[in-house]
């Protein structure tokens, strides 16, 4: 991996207080932000790669076009945070507070959101390819235009979720409980085919 020439590499910002700060175009690689106070921080076009945000307070933070690549958000507080057109590829959110959260487009492929409380969130147009949403509460979530190809949804709660218009190629329909979810015709046929239905 080649870091940008101006990247902050291996920095230790554990427990730092940067509330209300604004960052534009900064790059951080393998930096520690665990237990930091970053509530209401704003980032624009920043890159965080393999950084640790465990226990970090990010409530009401705003991120515009930033990238959080393979970062750890274990036990982070993302209450009322906004991610607009951000790239979150491979990041992990174990036991994080993620509701309510605003996700406006962007690439959330390969993220780990197992057991996350995401009920009622609008994920329209978000790329979630190969994301792990096992056991997540997705009740009432809007997925119009989202990419759910290869997404893991085993034991996820989907009551009232609207999958119509989402890409659902290669979903494991046998592991998904769609009771109460809304599907379009193509998705209903995928579900039926996975359960052995034949079509002439």
N, C-alpha and C. Protein backbone atom coordinates (compact mmCIF):
# COMPACT_ATOMS: atom_id res chain seq x y z
N UNK A 1 0.84 -1.18 0.00
CA UNK A 1 0.00 0.00 0.00
C UNK A 1 0.88 1.24 0.00
N UNK A 2 0.61 2.17 -0.89
CA UNK A 2 1.36 3.43 -0.97
C UNK A 2 0.52 4.56 -0.41
N UNK A 3 1.03 5.19 0.67
CA UNK A 3 0.27 6.28 1.27
C UNK A 3 0.52 7.57 0.51
N UNK A 4 -0.50 8.48 0.50
CA UNK A 4 -0.27 9.80 -0.10
C UNK A 4 0.88 10.50 0.60
N UNK A 5 1.60 11.34 -0.14
CA UNK A 5 2.79 11.99 0.40
C UNK A 5 2.46 12.83 1.63
N UNK A 6 1.24 13.38 1.70
CA UNK A 6 0.88 14.25 2.81
C UNK A 6 0.05 13.54 3.87
N UNK A 7 0.01 12.20 3.82
CA UNK A 7 -0.83 11.46 4.76
C UNK A 7 -0.23 11.46 6.16
N UNK A 8 -1.10 11.49 7.14
CA UNK A 8 -0.71 11.31 8.53
C UNK A 8 -0.74 9.82 8.80
N UNK A 9 0.43 9.22 9.00
CA UNK A 9 0.54 7.77 9.11
C UNK A 9 0.84 7.37 10.56
N UNK A 10 0.06 6.38 11.06
CA UNK A 10 0.28 5.82 12.40
C UNK A 10 0.15 6.85 13.52
N UNK A 11 -0.64 7.88 13.30
CA UNK A 11 -0.84 8.89 14.34
C UNK A 11 -1.70 8.37 15.49
N UNK A 12 -1.41 8.84 16.70
CA UNK A 12 -2.16 8.44 17.88
C UNK A 12 -3.01 9.61 18.36
N UNK A 13 -4.33 9.54 18.06
CA UNK A 13 -5.27 10.58 18.46
C UNK A 13 -6.32 10.03 19.42
N UNK A 14 -5.95 8.98 20.15
CA UNK A 14 -6.86 8.40 21.13
C UNK A 14 -7.27 9.46 22.15
N UNK A 15 -8.59 9.53 22.38
CA UNK A 15 -9.17 10.44 23.39
C UNK A 15 -8.99 11.92 23.05
N UNK A 16 -8.63 12.26 21.82
CA UNK A 16 -8.51 13.66 21.43
C UNK A 16 -9.89 14.32 21.41
N UNK A 17 -9.95 15.61 21.68
CA UNK A 17 -11.20 16.36 21.64
C UNK A 17 -11.16 17.30 20.44
N UNK A 18 -11.84 16.87 19.34
CA UNK A 18 -11.91 17.69 18.12
C UNK A 18 -13.36 18.04 17.79
N UNK A 19 -14.19 18.15 18.78
CA UNK A 19 -15.58 18.47 18.51
C UNK A 19 -15.71 19.79 17.76
N UNK A 20 -16.62 19.82 16.79
CA UNK A 20 -16.93 21.00 15.96
C UNK A 20 -15.82 21.37 14.96
N UNK A 21 -14.74 20.59 14.88
CA UNK A 21 -13.66 20.91 13.94
C UNK A 21 -14.10 20.59 12.51
N UNK A 22 -13.42 21.22 11.53
CA UNK A 22 -13.68 20.97 10.12
C UNK A 22 -12.36 20.57 9.43
N UNK A 23 -12.43 19.50 8.63
CA UNK A 23 -11.25 19.01 7.93
C UNK A 23 -11.55 18.88 6.44
N UNK A 24 -10.68 19.41 5.62
CA UNK A 24 -10.82 19.35 4.17
C UNK A 24 -9.59 18.68 3.56
N UNK A 25 -9.81 17.59 2.81
CA UNK A 25 -8.74 16.98 2.04
C UNK A 25 -7.63 16.35 2.85
N UNK A 26 -7.86 16.02 4.11
CA UNK A 26 -6.82 15.40 4.94
C UNK A 26 -6.79 13.89 4.70
N UNK A 27 -5.63 13.27 4.91
CA UNK A 27 -5.47 11.83 4.77
C UNK A 27 -4.85 11.25 6.03
N UNK A 28 -5.46 10.18 6.53
CA UNK A 28 -4.98 9.50 7.74
C UNK A 28 -4.86 8.01 7.43
N UNK A 29 -3.74 7.40 7.75
CA UNK A 29 -3.52 5.98 7.50
C UNK A 29 -3.09 5.30 8.80
N UNK A 30 -3.84 4.26 9.18
CA UNK A 30 -3.56 3.47 10.39
C UNK A 30 -3.46 4.36 11.64
N UNK A 31 -4.31 5.35 11.73
CA UNK A 31 -4.30 6.24 12.90
C UNK A 31 -5.31 5.76 13.94
N UNK A 32 -5.03 6.06 15.20
CA UNK A 32 -5.92 5.71 16.30
C UNK A 32 -6.76 6.92 16.68
N UNK A 33 -8.08 6.72 16.72
CA UNK A 33 -9.02 7.73 17.20
C UNK A 33 -9.91 7.13 18.29
N UNK A 34 -9.48 6.02 18.89
CA UNK A 34 -10.33 5.35 19.85
C UNK A 34 -10.66 6.26 21.04
N UNK A 35 -11.96 6.25 21.39
CA UNK A 35 -12.49 7.04 22.50
C UNK A 35 -12.31 8.54 22.31
N UNK A 36 -12.10 8.97 21.08
CA UNK A 36 -11.97 10.41 20.79
C UNK A 36 -13.34 11.08 20.79
N UNK A 37 -13.33 12.38 21.01
CA UNK A 37 -14.57 13.17 20.97
C UNK A 37 -14.60 13.93 19.64
N UNK A 38 -15.37 13.39 18.69
CA UNK A 38 -15.46 13.98 17.36
C UNK A 38 -16.91 14.36 17.02
N UNK A 39 -17.72 14.60 18.04
CA UNK A 39 -19.11 15.00 17.78
C UNK A 39 -19.16 16.30 16.99
N UNK A 40 -20.06 16.34 16.02
CA UNK A 40 -20.31 17.51 15.18
C UNK A 40 -19.08 17.94 14.37
N UNK A 41 -18.16 17.01 14.15
CA UNK A 41 -17.03 17.28 13.26
C UNK A 41 -17.52 17.24 11.81
N UNK A 42 -16.86 17.98 10.93
CA UNK A 42 -17.18 17.95 9.50
C UNK A 42 -15.93 17.54 8.72
N UNK A 43 -16.07 16.55 7.84
CA UNK A 43 -14.97 16.19 6.94
C UNK A 43 -15.44 16.32 5.51
N UNK A 44 -14.56 16.85 4.66
CA UNK A 44 -14.85 16.98 3.23
C UNK A 44 -13.68 16.41 2.44
N UNK A 45 -13.97 15.41 1.61
CA UNK A 45 -12.96 14.80 0.75
C UNK A 45 -11.75 14.32 1.54
N UNK A 46 -11.97 13.83 2.75
CA UNK A 46 -10.89 13.27 3.56
C UNK A 46 -10.80 11.76 3.35
N UNK A 47 -9.64 11.18 3.65
CA UNK A 47 -9.44 9.75 3.53
C UNK A 47 -8.92 9.21 4.86
N UNK A 48 -9.62 8.21 5.40
CA UNK A 48 -9.19 7.50 6.60
C UNK A 48 -9.02 6.04 6.20
N UNK A 49 -7.82 5.54 6.26
CA UNK A 49 -7.55 4.17 5.81
C UNK A 49 -7.02 3.32 6.96
N UNK A 50 -7.75 2.24 7.27
CA UNK A 50 -7.38 1.31 8.34
C UNK A 50 -7.21 2.05 9.67
N UNK A 51 -8.10 2.99 9.93
CA UNK A 51 -8.07 3.74 11.19
C UNK A 51 -9.01 3.12 12.21
N UNK A 52 -8.71 3.35 13.49
CA UNK A 52 -9.49 2.77 14.58
C UNK A 52 -10.31 3.85 15.27
N UNK A 53 -11.66 3.75 15.12
CA UNK A 53 -12.58 4.69 15.75
C UNK A 53 -13.35 4.01 16.88
N UNK A 54 -12.77 3.00 17.50
CA UNK A 54 -13.47 2.26 18.55
C UNK A 54 -13.84 3.18 19.70
N UNK A 55 -15.12 3.17 20.07
CA UNK A 55 -15.58 3.98 21.18
C UNK A 55 -15.62 5.47 20.92
N UNK A 56 -15.42 5.87 19.67
CA UNK A 56 -15.36 7.29 19.33
C UNK A 56 -16.75 7.90 19.28
N UNK A 57 -16.87 9.14 19.76
CA UNK A 57 -18.13 9.87 19.67
C UNK A 57 -18.15 10.65 18.35
N UNK A 58 -19.04 10.23 17.46
CA UNK A 58 -19.19 10.89 16.17
C UNK A 58 -20.61 11.39 15.97
N UNK A 59 -21.33 11.60 17.06
CA UNK A 59 -22.72 12.04 16.98
C UNK A 59 -22.82 13.37 16.24
N UNK A 60 -23.81 13.46 15.37
CA UNK A 60 -24.10 14.68 14.60
C UNK A 60 -22.94 15.13 13.72
N UNK A 61 -22.00 14.23 13.43
CA UNK A 61 -20.91 14.57 12.51
C UNK A 61 -21.42 14.54 11.08
N UNK A 62 -20.74 15.28 10.19
CA UNK A 62 -21.13 15.36 8.78
C UNK A 62 -19.92 15.05 7.91
N UNK A 63 -20.10 14.15 6.96
CA UNK A 63 -18.99 13.71 6.10
C UNK A 63 -19.43 13.81 4.65
N UNK A 64 -18.70 14.58 3.87
CA UNK A 64 -19.07 14.84 2.49
C UNK A 64 -17.96 14.36 1.55
N UNK A 65 -18.25 13.30 0.80
CA UNK A 65 -17.29 12.78 -0.16
C UNK A 65 -16.03 12.22 0.47
N UNK A 66 -16.09 11.86 1.75
CA UNK A 66 -14.92 11.30 2.43
C UNK A 66 -14.89 9.78 2.29
N UNK A 67 -13.74 9.18 2.57
CA UNK A 67 -13.58 7.73 2.48
C UNK A 67 -13.08 7.19 3.81
N UNK A 68 -13.74 6.14 4.29
CA UNK A 68 -13.33 5.42 5.49
C UNK A 68 -13.11 3.98 5.06
N UNK A 69 -11.88 3.65 4.73
CA UNK A 69 -11.56 2.37 4.11
C UNK A 69 -11.02 1.39 5.15
N UNK A 70 -11.74 0.27 5.33
CA UNK A 70 -11.33 -0.78 6.26
C UNK A 70 -11.08 -0.20 7.67
N UNK A 71 -11.95 0.69 8.09
CA UNK A 71 -11.84 1.28 9.42
C UNK A 71 -12.68 0.49 10.42
N UNK A 72 -12.38 0.65 11.71
CA UNK A 72 -13.11 -0.03 12.78
C UNK A 72 -13.89 1.01 13.59
N UNK A 73 -15.21 0.78 13.68
CA UNK A 73 -16.09 1.67 14.43
C UNK A 73 -16.74 0.91 15.59
N UNK A 74 -16.02 0.01 16.20
CA UNK A 74 -16.59 -0.80 17.28
C UNK A 74 -16.99 0.10 18.46
N UNK A 75 -18.25 -0.03 18.86
CA UNK A 75 -18.83 0.74 19.98
C UNK A 75 -18.87 2.25 19.71
N UNK A 76 -18.69 2.69 18.48
CA UNK A 76 -18.75 4.12 18.16
C UNK A 76 -20.18 4.63 18.26
N UNK A 77 -20.31 5.92 18.57
CA UNK A 77 -21.62 6.56 18.62
C UNK A 77 -21.79 7.42 17.38
N UNK A 78 -22.61 6.93 16.43
CA UNK A 78 -22.86 7.63 15.18
C UNK A 78 -24.28 8.20 15.14
N UNK A 79 -24.83 8.49 16.30
CA UNK A 79 -26.18 9.02 16.40
C UNK A 79 -26.30 10.32 15.60
N UNK A 80 -27.25 10.33 14.65
CA UNK A 80 -27.54 11.51 13.84
C UNK A 80 -26.38 11.95 12.94
N UNK A 81 -25.44 11.04 12.65
CA UNK A 81 -24.34 11.36 11.73
C UNK A 81 -24.84 11.32 10.29
N UNK A 82 -24.20 12.10 9.41
CA UNK A 82 -24.57 12.14 7.99
C UNK A 82 -23.36 11.76 7.15
N UNK A 83 -23.56 10.81 6.23
CA UNK A 83 -22.52 10.42 5.28
C UNK A 83 -23.07 10.67 3.88
N UNK A 84 -22.58 11.69 3.21
CA UNK A 84 -23.05 12.05 1.87
C UNK A 84 -22.01 11.64 0.84
N UNK A 85 -22.38 10.67 -0.01
CA UNK A 85 -21.51 10.20 -1.10
C UNK A 85 -20.15 9.79 -0.57
N UNK A 86 -20.14 9.02 0.52
CA UNK A 86 -18.88 8.55 1.12
C UNK A 86 -18.57 7.11 0.71
N UNK A 87 -17.31 6.76 0.79
CA UNK A 87 -16.87 5.39 0.50
C UNK A 87 -16.45 4.75 1.82
N UNK A 88 -17.15 3.68 2.20
CA UNK A 88 -16.94 3.04 3.50
C UNK A 88 -16.43 1.61 3.35
N UNK A 89 -15.86 1.28 2.23
CA UNK A 89 -15.55 -0.10 1.87
C UNK A 89 -14.79 -0.85 2.97
N UNK A 90 -15.36 -1.99 3.38
CA UNK A 90 -14.67 -2.88 4.30
C UNK A 90 -14.66 -2.45 5.75
N UNK A 91 -15.37 -1.38 6.11
CA UNK A 91 -15.36 -0.93 7.50
C UNK A 91 -16.27 -1.79 8.36
N UNK A 92 -15.98 -1.83 9.68
CA UNK A 92 -16.69 -2.70 10.61
C UNK A 92 -17.36 -1.85 11.69
N UNK A 93 -18.63 -2.18 12.00
CA UNK A 93 -19.43 -1.37 12.91
C UNK A 93 -19.97 -2.20 14.08
N UNK A 94 -19.17 -3.10 14.60
CA UNK A 94 -19.63 -3.96 15.68
C UNK A 94 -20.08 -3.17 16.91
N UNK A 95 -21.33 -3.42 17.34
CA UNK A 95 -21.89 -2.81 18.55
C UNK A 95 -21.92 -1.28 18.50
N UNK A 96 -21.90 -0.71 17.29
CA UNK A 96 -21.94 0.75 17.16
C UNK A 96 -23.38 1.24 17.20
N UNK A 97 -23.57 2.48 17.69
CA UNK A 97 -24.88 3.14 17.65
C UNK A 97 -25.01 3.79 16.28
N UNK A 98 -25.88 3.26 15.43
CA UNK A 98 -25.98 3.75 14.05
C UNK A 98 -27.39 4.22 13.69
N UNK A 99 -28.22 4.46 14.68
CA UNK A 99 -29.58 4.91 14.40
C UNK A 99 -29.96 6.00 15.37
N UNK A 100 -30.49 7.12 14.85
CA UNK A 100 -30.67 7.42 13.42
C UNK A 100 -29.36 7.85 12.76
N UNK A 101 -29.23 7.50 11.50
CA UNK A 101 -28.06 7.88 10.71
C UNK A 101 -28.57 8.22 9.31
N UNK A 102 -27.93 9.18 8.65
CA UNK A 102 -28.31 9.53 7.28
C UNK A 102 -27.20 9.08 6.35
N UNK A 103 -27.56 8.21 5.40
CA UNK A 103 -26.62 7.70 4.41
C UNK A 103 -27.15 8.10 3.05
N UNK A 104 -26.50 9.05 2.42
CA UNK A 104 -26.97 9.60 1.16
C UNK A 104 -26.04 9.15 0.04
N UNK A 105 -26.41 8.03 -0.60
CA UNK A 105 -25.58 7.48 -1.67
C UNK A 105 -24.27 6.93 -1.12
N UNK A 106 -23.32 6.73 -2.01
CA UNK A 106 -22.00 6.25 -1.59
C UNK A 106 -21.83 4.75 -1.71
N UNK A 107 -20.64 4.30 -1.36
CA UNK A 107 -20.25 2.90 -1.51
C UNK A 107 -19.99 2.30 -0.12
N UNK A 108 -20.91 1.44 0.31
CA UNK A 108 -20.80 0.75 1.60
C UNK A 108 -20.60 -0.75 1.36
N UNK A 109 -19.97 -1.10 0.27
CA UNK A 109 -19.74 -2.51 -0.02
C UNK A 109 -18.75 -3.11 0.97
N UNK A 110 -18.95 -4.38 1.26
CA UNK A 110 -18.09 -5.17 2.16
C UNK A 110 -18.11 -4.68 3.62
N UNK A 111 -19.02 -3.77 3.98
CA UNK A 111 -19.06 -3.34 5.38
C UNK A 111 -19.66 -4.45 6.25
N UNK A 112 -19.31 -4.45 7.53
CA UNK A 112 -19.87 -5.40 8.49
C UNK A 112 -20.80 -4.64 9.43
N UNK A 113 -22.11 -4.88 9.27
CA UNK A 113 -23.14 -4.24 10.10
C UNK A 113 -24.02 -5.32 10.74
N UNK A 114 -23.39 -6.38 11.19
CA UNK A 114 -24.12 -7.50 11.80
C UNK A 114 -24.88 -7.00 13.03
N UNK A 115 -26.18 -7.31 13.07
CA UNK A 115 -26.98 -6.95 14.22
C UNK A 115 -27.27 -5.48 14.38
N UNK A 116 -26.98 -4.67 13.37
CA UNK A 116 -27.16 -3.22 13.48
C UNK A 116 -28.63 -2.83 13.52
N UNK A 117 -28.95 -1.79 14.29
CA UNK A 117 -30.31 -1.25 14.38
C UNK A 117 -30.46 -0.16 13.31
N UNK A 118 -31.05 -0.52 12.18
CA UNK A 118 -31.17 0.40 11.05
C UNK A 118 -32.63 0.64 10.65
N UNK A 119 -33.55 0.31 11.52
CA UNK A 119 -34.97 0.40 11.18
C UNK A 119 -35.36 1.80 10.72
N UNK A 120 -36.09 1.83 9.60
CA UNK A 120 -36.63 3.08 9.09
C UNK A 120 -35.66 3.96 8.33
N UNK A 121 -34.43 3.52 8.13
CA UNK A 121 -33.43 4.35 7.46
C UNK A 121 -33.60 4.26 5.94
N UNK A 122 -33.34 5.34 5.25
CA UNK A 122 -33.41 5.37 3.79
C UNK A 122 -32.04 5.03 3.21
N UNK A 123 -31.93 3.86 2.60
CA UNK A 123 -30.69 3.43 1.96
C UNK A 123 -30.82 3.41 0.44
N UNK A 124 -31.71 4.22 -0.08
CA UNK A 124 -31.90 4.29 -1.53
C UNK A 124 -30.61 4.70 -2.23
N UNK A 125 -30.25 3.95 -3.28
CA UNK A 125 -29.10 4.30 -4.08
C UNK A 125 -27.75 3.99 -3.46
N UNK A 126 -27.73 3.34 -2.29
CA UNK A 126 -26.46 3.03 -1.62
C UNK A 126 -25.93 1.70 -2.14
N UNK A 127 -24.63 1.64 -2.40
CA UNK A 127 -24.01 0.38 -2.83
C UNK A 127 -23.66 -0.44 -1.59
N UNK A 128 -24.31 -1.58 -1.44
CA UNK A 128 -24.10 -2.47 -0.29
C UNK A 128 -23.67 -3.86 -0.74
N UNK A 129 -23.03 -3.94 -1.90
CA UNK A 129 -22.62 -5.23 -2.46
C UNK A 129 -21.72 -5.96 -1.46
N UNK A 130 -22.07 -7.21 -1.19
CA UNK A 130 -21.30 -8.10 -0.31
C UNK A 130 -21.17 -7.57 1.11
N UNK A 131 -22.07 -6.67 1.51
CA UNK A 131 -22.10 -6.22 2.90
C UNK A 131 -22.67 -7.33 3.78
N UNK A 132 -22.31 -7.31 5.06
CA UNK A 132 -22.81 -8.29 6.02
C UNK A 132 -23.86 -7.62 6.90
N UNK A 133 -25.14 -7.90 6.61
CA UNK A 133 -26.25 -7.35 7.38
C UNK A 133 -26.96 -8.47 8.14
N UNK A 134 -26.25 -9.53 8.46
CA UNK A 134 -26.80 -10.64 9.22
C UNK A 134 -27.39 -10.14 10.54
N UNK A 135 -28.60 -10.57 10.84
CA UNK A 135 -29.28 -10.24 12.10
C UNK A 135 -29.61 -8.75 12.25
N UNK A 136 -29.40 -7.94 11.23
CA UNK A 136 -29.68 -6.50 11.33
C UNK A 136 -31.19 -6.25 11.34
N UNK A 137 -31.60 -5.18 12.02
CA UNK A 137 -32.99 -4.76 11.99
C UNK A 137 -33.16 -3.77 10.84
N UNK A 138 -33.75 -4.24 9.76
CA UNK A 138 -33.95 -3.44 8.55
C UNK A 138 -35.44 -3.14 8.33
N UNK A 139 -36.20 -3.18 9.39
CA UNK A 139 -37.65 -2.95 9.30
C UNK A 139 -37.91 -1.57 8.71
N UNK A 140 -38.73 -1.53 7.66
CA UNK A 140 -39.12 -0.27 7.07
C UNK A 140 -38.05 0.45 6.28
N UNK A 141 -36.91 -0.19 6.05
CA UNK A 141 -35.82 0.45 5.30
C UNK A 141 -36.19 0.56 3.83
N UNK A 142 -35.83 1.68 3.21
CA UNK A 142 -36.05 1.90 1.77
C UNK A 142 -34.76 1.54 1.02
N UNK A 143 -34.86 0.62 0.05
CA UNK A 143 -33.70 0.16 -0.70
C UNK A 143 -33.79 0.50 -2.19
N UNK A 144 -34.66 1.40 -2.60
CA UNK A 144 -34.83 1.69 -4.03
C UNK A 144 -33.50 2.10 -4.66
N UNK A 145 -33.11 1.41 -5.73
CA UNK A 145 -31.88 1.75 -6.43
C UNK A 145 -30.61 1.32 -5.71
N UNK A 146 -30.72 0.64 -4.57
CA UNK A 146 -29.53 0.17 -3.85
C UNK A 146 -28.98 -1.09 -4.53
N UNK A 147 -27.70 -1.33 -4.30
CA UNK A 147 -27.05 -2.53 -4.83
C UNK A 147 -26.89 -3.52 -3.68
N UNK A 148 -27.72 -4.57 -3.69
CA UNK A 148 -27.68 -5.60 -2.66
C UNK A 148 -27.10 -6.91 -3.18
N UNK A 149 -26.38 -6.86 -4.29
CA UNK A 149 -25.85 -8.10 -4.86
C UNK A 149 -24.86 -8.75 -3.89
N UNK A 150 -25.07 -10.03 -3.63
CA UNK A 150 -24.24 -10.84 -2.74
C UNK A 150 -24.31 -10.37 -1.27
N UNK A 151 -25.23 -9.50 -0.94
CA UNK A 151 -25.35 -9.03 0.44
C UNK A 151 -25.87 -10.15 1.34
N UNK A 152 -25.31 -10.25 2.55
CA UNK A 152 -25.74 -11.28 3.50
C UNK A 152 -26.87 -10.72 4.37
N UNK A 153 -28.04 -11.36 4.28
CA UNK A 153 -29.23 -10.89 4.99
C UNK A 153 -29.83 -11.99 5.88
N UNK A 154 -29.04 -12.99 6.21
CA UNK A 154 -29.55 -14.10 7.03
C UNK A 154 -30.09 -13.56 8.36
N UNK A 155 -31.31 -13.94 8.68
CA UNK A 155 -31.96 -13.58 9.95
C UNK A 155 -32.18 -12.08 10.13
N UNK A 156 -32.03 -11.30 9.06
CA UNK A 156 -32.33 -9.87 9.14
C UNK A 156 -33.83 -9.66 9.24
N UNK A 157 -34.24 -8.61 9.97
CA UNK A 157 -35.66 -8.27 10.08
C UNK A 157 -36.01 -7.35 8.92
N UNK A 158 -36.92 -7.80 8.06
CA UNK A 158 -37.25 -7.05 6.84
C UNK A 158 -38.71 -6.63 6.78
N UNK A 159 -39.44 -6.73 7.87
CA UNK A 159 -40.85 -6.36 7.85
C UNK A 159 -41.01 -4.90 7.46
N UNK A 160 -41.77 -4.65 6.40
CA UNK A 160 -42.00 -3.29 5.93
C UNK A 160 -40.87 -2.73 5.08
N UNK A 161 -39.77 -3.47 4.92
CA UNK A 161 -38.66 -3.01 4.07
C UNK A 161 -39.08 -3.04 2.62
N UNK A 162 -38.66 -2.05 1.84
CA UNK A 162 -39.03 -1.95 0.43
C UNK A 162 -37.81 -2.20 -0.44
N UNK A 163 -37.73 -3.40 -1.01
CA UNK A 163 -36.60 -3.79 -1.86
C UNK A 163 -36.85 -3.51 -3.34
N UNK A 164 -38.01 -2.99 -3.67
CA UNK A 164 -38.35 -2.78 -5.07
C UNK A 164 -37.37 -1.82 -5.73
N UNK A 165 -36.84 -2.25 -6.88
CA UNK A 165 -35.89 -1.42 -7.60
C UNK A 165 -34.45 -1.61 -7.18
N UNK A 166 -34.19 -2.45 -6.17
CA UNK A 166 -32.81 -2.72 -5.75
C UNK A 166 -32.22 -3.85 -6.58
N UNK A 167 -30.91 -3.84 -6.74
CA UNK A 167 -30.21 -4.96 -7.38
C UNK A 167 -30.09 -6.08 -6.37
N UNK A 168 -30.59 -7.25 -6.71
CA UNK A 168 -30.59 -8.37 -5.77
C UNK A 168 -29.97 -9.63 -6.37
N UNK A 169 -29.08 -9.45 -7.35
CA UNK A 169 -28.43 -10.60 -7.96
C UNK A 169 -27.62 -11.37 -6.90
N UNK A 170 -27.72 -12.68 -6.96
CA UNK A 170 -26.91 -13.57 -6.13
C UNK A 170 -27.21 -13.43 -4.64
N UNK A 171 -28.39 -12.92 -4.30
CA UNK A 171 -28.80 -12.99 -2.89
C UNK A 171 -29.10 -14.45 -2.55
N UNK A 172 -28.81 -14.84 -1.31
CA UNK A 172 -29.15 -16.17 -0.85
C UNK A 172 -30.60 -16.14 -0.34
N UNK A 173 -31.53 -16.25 -1.29
CA UNK A 173 -32.95 -16.13 -0.94
C UNK A 173 -33.39 -17.21 0.04
N UNK A 174 -32.70 -18.32 0.09
CA UNK A 174 -33.08 -19.40 1.00
C UNK A 174 -32.83 -19.02 2.46
N UNK A 175 -31.96 -18.04 2.70
CA UNK A 175 -31.62 -17.67 4.08
C UNK A 175 -32.37 -16.41 4.54
N UNK A 176 -33.23 -15.87 3.66
CA UNK A 176 -33.86 -14.58 3.94
C UNK A 176 -35.34 -14.77 4.26
N UNK A 177 -35.78 -14.17 5.36
CA UNK A 177 -37.19 -14.17 5.71
C UNK A 177 -37.82 -12.90 5.14
N UNK A 178 -38.59 -13.03 4.06
CA UNK A 178 -39.14 -11.85 3.40
C UNK A 178 -40.54 -11.50 3.88
N UNK A 179 -41.00 -12.13 4.95
CA UNK A 179 -42.35 -11.86 5.45
C UNK A 179 -42.51 -10.37 5.74
N UNK A 180 -43.48 -9.75 5.10
CA UNK A 180 -43.76 -8.34 5.34
C UNK A 180 -42.93 -7.39 4.52
N UNK A 181 -42.00 -7.91 3.68
CA UNK A 181 -41.17 -7.05 2.82
C UNK A 181 -41.86 -6.85 1.48
N UNK A 182 -41.49 -5.76 0.79
CA UNK A 182 -42.04 -5.46 -0.53
C UNK A 182 -41.00 -5.81 -1.60
N UNK A 183 -41.40 -6.65 -2.57
CA UNK A 183 -40.53 -7.06 -3.66
C UNK A 183 -41.16 -6.65 -4.98
N UNK A 184 -40.30 -6.41 -5.99
CA UNK A 184 -40.84 -6.22 -7.33
C UNK A 184 -40.98 -7.59 -7.99
N UNK A 185 -41.53 -7.60 -9.21
CA UNK A 185 -41.81 -8.88 -9.88
C UNK A 185 -40.54 -9.70 -10.09
N UNK A 186 -39.47 -9.04 -10.54
CA UNK A 186 -38.22 -9.76 -10.77
C UNK A 186 -37.68 -10.40 -9.50
N UNK A 187 -37.75 -9.67 -8.40
CA UNK A 187 -37.26 -10.22 -7.13
C UNK A 187 -38.14 -11.37 -6.65
N UNK A 188 -39.44 -11.23 -6.83
CA UNK A 188 -40.35 -12.31 -6.44
C UNK A 188 -40.05 -13.58 -7.23
N UNK A 189 -39.69 -13.41 -8.51
CA UNK A 189 -39.35 -14.58 -9.32
C UNK A 189 -38.02 -15.18 -8.87
N UNK A 190 -37.05 -14.35 -8.49
CA UNK A 190 -35.79 -14.86 -7.96
C UNK A 190 -36.05 -15.68 -6.69
N UNK A 191 -36.89 -15.14 -5.81
CA UNK A 191 -37.21 -15.83 -4.57
C UNK A 191 -37.88 -17.17 -4.86
N UNK A 192 -38.87 -17.16 -5.79
CA UNK A 192 -39.58 -18.39 -6.11
C UNK A 192 -38.66 -19.42 -6.75
N UNK A 193 -37.77 -18.95 -7.64
CA UNK A 193 -36.84 -19.88 -8.30
C UNK A 193 -35.89 -20.52 -7.27
N UNK A 194 -35.46 -19.73 -6.31
CA UNK A 194 -34.55 -20.27 -5.28
C UNK A 194 -35.24 -21.33 -4.45
N UNK A 195 -36.58 -21.26 -4.37
CA UNK A 195 -37.33 -22.25 -3.61
C UNK A 195 -37.92 -23.35 -4.49
N UNK A 196 -37.39 -23.44 -5.69
CA UNK A 196 -37.72 -24.59 -6.54
C UNK A 196 -38.82 -24.37 -7.57
N UNK A 197 -39.34 -23.15 -7.68
CA UNK A 197 -40.39 -22.92 -8.66
C UNK A 197 -39.81 -22.95 -10.07
N UNK A 198 -40.57 -23.47 -11.02
CA UNK A 198 -40.16 -23.51 -12.42
C UNK A 198 -41.03 -22.57 -13.23
N UNK A 199 -40.42 -21.93 -14.23
CA UNK A 199 -41.17 -20.98 -15.08
C UNK A 199 -41.01 -21.41 -16.54
N UNK A 200 -42.11 -21.43 -17.27
CA UNK A 200 -42.08 -21.76 -18.69
C UNK A 200 -41.74 -20.51 -19.49
